[in-house]
């Protein structure tokens, strides 16, 4: 496990950071026009939905491929671009 600053962030932290940024931007005087813009809200919602679909698809794909990679010689969890274990 890496202990540096950026590796301590979980997916929940990243999600909350994005939500907080949008909320702070919406209450700022220069950001109120952007938040009431329908195109921005559609873009924000579309990006959010696509991100969720990609996350859950990747999660399912990793679980399915894990057993296949373990059966083929214990490749799951190894960095194939580095020498050694």
C-alpha atoms as a PDB file:
ATOM      1  CA  UNK A   1       0.000   0.000   0.000  1.00  0.00           C
ATOM      2  CA  UNK A   2       1.308   3.415  -0.935  1.00  0.00           C
ATOM      3  CA  UNK A   3       1.022   6.066   1.724  1.00  0.00           C
ATOM      4  CA  UNK A   4       1.687   9.279  -0.193  1.00  0.00           C
ATOM      5  CA  UNK A   5      -0.918  12.026  -0.336  1.00  0.00           C
ATOM      6  CA  UNK A   6      -2.671  11.210  -3.608  1.00  0.00           C
ATOM      7  CA  UNK A   7      -2.997   7.502  -2.879  1.00  0.00           C
ATOM      8  CA  UNK A   8      -5.063   8.179   0.244  1.00  0.00           C
ATOM      9  CA  UNK A   9      -8.015   9.410  -1.855  1.00  0.00           C
ATOM     10  CA  UNK A  10     -10.825   6.928  -2.317  1.00  0.00           C
ATOM     11  CA  UNK A  11     -13.511   7.062  -4.991  1.00  0.00           C
ATOM     12  CA  UNK A  12     -15.867   8.607  -2.428  1.00  0.00           C
ATOM     13  CA  UNK A  13     -13.389  11.438  -1.800  1.00  0.00           C
ATOM     14  CA  UNK A  14     -13.083  12.172  -5.512  1.00  0.00           C
ATOM     15  CA  UNK A  15     -16.871  12.133  -5.945  1.00  0.00           C
ATOM     16  CA  UNK A  16     -17.436  14.437  -2.968  1.00  0.00           C
ATOM     17  CA  UNK A  17     -14.710  16.789  -4.188  1.00  0.00           C
ATOM     18  CA  UNK A  18     -16.435  17.089  -7.569  1.00  0.00           C
ATOM     19  CA  UNK A  19     -19.845  17.700  -5.998  1.00  0.00           C
ATOM     20  CA  UNK A  20     -18.437  20.307  -3.604  1.00  0.00           C
ATOM     21  CA  UNK A  21     -16.695  22.097  -6.488  1.00  0.00           C
ATOM     22  CA  UNK A  22     -19.933  22.327  -8.479  1.00  0.00           C
ATOM     23  CA  UNK A  23     -21.836  23.577  -5.415  1.00  0.00           C
ATOM     24  CA  UNK A  24     -19.198  26.193  -4.589  1.00  0.00           C
ATOM     25  CA  UNK A  25     -19.092  27.333  -8.187  1.00  0.00           C
ATOM     26  CA  UNK A  26     -22.892  27.614  -8.287  1.00  0.00           C
ATOM     27  CA  UNK A  27     -23.047  29.945  -5.281  1.00  0.00           C
ATOM     28  CA  UNK A  28     -20.249  32.171  -6.552  1.00  0.00           C
ATOM     29  CA  UNK A  29     -21.448  35.346  -8.277  1.00  0.00           C
ATOM     30  CA  UNK A  30     -19.768  34.453 -11.566  1.00  0.00           C
ATOM     31  CA  UNK A  31     -21.043  30.873 -11.539  1.00  0.00           C
ATOM     32  CA  UNK A  32     -24.775  31.385 -11.162  1.00  0.00           C
ATOM     33  CA  UNK A  33     -25.284  31.878 -14.893  1.00  0.00           C
ATOM     34  CA  UNK A  34     -23.491  28.636 -15.674  1.00  0.00           C
ATOM     35  CA  UNK A  35     -25.546  26.542 -13.256  1.00  0.00           C
ATOM     36  CA  UNK A  36     -28.879  27.757 -14.634  1.00  0.00           C
ATOM     37  CA  UNK A  37     -27.682  26.966 -18.163  1.00  0.00           C
ATOM     38  CA  UNK A  38     -29.551  23.870 -19.389  1.00  0.00           C
ATOM     39  CA  UNK A  39     -26.681  22.739 -21.619  1.00  0.00           C
ATOM     40  CA  UNK A  40     -24.286  22.723 -18.664  1.00  0.00           C
ATOM     41  CA  UNK A  41     -26.671  20.712 -16.508  1.00  0.00           C
ATOM     42  CA  UNK A  42     -27.233  18.176 -19.297  1.00  0.00           C
ATOM     43  CA  UNK A  43     -23.471  17.874 -19.792  1.00  0.00           C
ATOM     44  CA  UNK A  44     -22.901  17.460 -16.049  1.00  0.00           C
ATOM     45  CA  UNK A  45     -25.600  14.807 -15.714  1.00  0.00           C
ATOM     46  CA  UNK A  46     -24.431  12.938 -18.820  1.00  0.00           C
ATOM     47  CA  UNK A  47     -20.832  12.903 -17.586  1.00  0.00           C
ATOM     48  CA  UNK A  48     -21.950  11.668 -14.178  1.00  0.00           C
ATOM     49  CA  UNK A  49     -24.060   8.845 -15.631  1.00  0.00           C
ATOM     50  CA  UNK A  50     -21.310   7.752 -18.049  1.00  0.00           C
ATOM     51  CA  UNK A  51     -18.780   7.744 -15.232  1.00  0.00           C
ATOM     52  CA  UNK A  52     -21.001   5.558 -13.069  1.00  0.00           C
ATOM     53  CA  UNK A  53     -21.628   3.121 -15.925  1.00  0.00           C
ATOM     54  CA  UNK A  54     -17.893   2.932 -16.675  1.00  0.00           C
ATOM     55  CA  UNK A  55     -17.053   2.375 -13.007  1.00  0.00           C
ATOM     56  CA  UNK A  56     -19.504  -0.479 -12.538  1.00  0.00           C
ATOM     57  CA  UNK A  57     -18.613  -2.033 -15.905  1.00  0.00           C
ATOM     58  CA  UNK A  58     -14.933  -1.992 -14.974  1.00  0.00           C
ATOM     59  CA  UNK A  59     -15.703  -3.441 -11.550  1.00  0.00           C
ATOM     60  CA  UNK A  60     -17.633  -6.335 -13.120  1.00  0.00           C
ATOM     61  CA  UNK A  61     -14.952  -6.871 -15.773  1.00  0.00           C
ATOM     62  CA  UNK A  62     -12.159  -7.053 -13.186  1.00  0.00           C
ATOM     63  CA  UNK A  63     -14.070  -9.619 -11.133  1.00  0.00           C
ATOM     64  CA  UNK A  64     -14.677 -11.779 -14.215  1.00  0.00           C
ATOM     65  CA  UNK A  65     -11.097 -11.563 -15.480  1.00  0.00           C
ATOM     66  CA  UNK A  66      -9.512 -12.138 -12.062  1.00  0.00           C
ATOM     67  CA  UNK A  67     -10.243 -15.858 -12.003  1.00  0.00           C
ATOM     68  CA  UNK A  68      -9.113 -16.341 -15.601  1.00  0.00           C
ATOM     69  CA  UNK A  69      -5.818 -14.560 -14.946  1.00  0.00           C
ATOM     70  CA  UNK A  70      -5.209 -16.516 -11.740  1.00  0.00           C
ATOM     71  CA  UNK A  71      -5.820 -19.806 -13.586  1.00  0.00           C
ATOM     72  CA  UNK A  72      -3.332 -18.861 -16.318  1.00  0.00           C
ATOM     73  CA  UNK A  73      -0.388 -18.623 -13.968  1.00  0.00           C
ATOM     74  CA  UNK A  74      -1.164 -16.200 -11.179  1.00  0.00           C
ATOM     75  CA  UNK A  75      -1.063 -13.011 -13.255  1.00  0.00           C
ATOM     76  CA  UNK A  76      -3.725 -11.124 -11.276  1.00  0.00           C
ATOM     77  CA  UNK A  77      -2.295  -8.271  -9.224  1.00  0.00           C
ATOM     78  CA  UNK A  78       1.124  -8.266 -10.913  1.00  0.00           C
ATOM     79  CA  UNK A  79       2.579  -5.393 -12.864  1.00  0.00           C
ATOM     80  CA  UNK A  80       3.626  -6.962 -16.140  1.00  0.00           C
ATOM     81  CA  UNK A  81       5.725  -3.939 -17.137  1.00  0.00           C
ATOM     82  CA  UNK A  82       8.228  -4.350 -14.290  1.00  0.00           C
ATOM     83  CA  UNK A  83      10.943  -6.893 -13.632  1.00  0.00           C
ATOM     84  CA  UNK A  84      10.475  -9.243 -10.705  1.00  0.00           C
ATOM     85  CA  UNK A  85       7.431  -9.682  -8.492  1.00  0.00           C
END
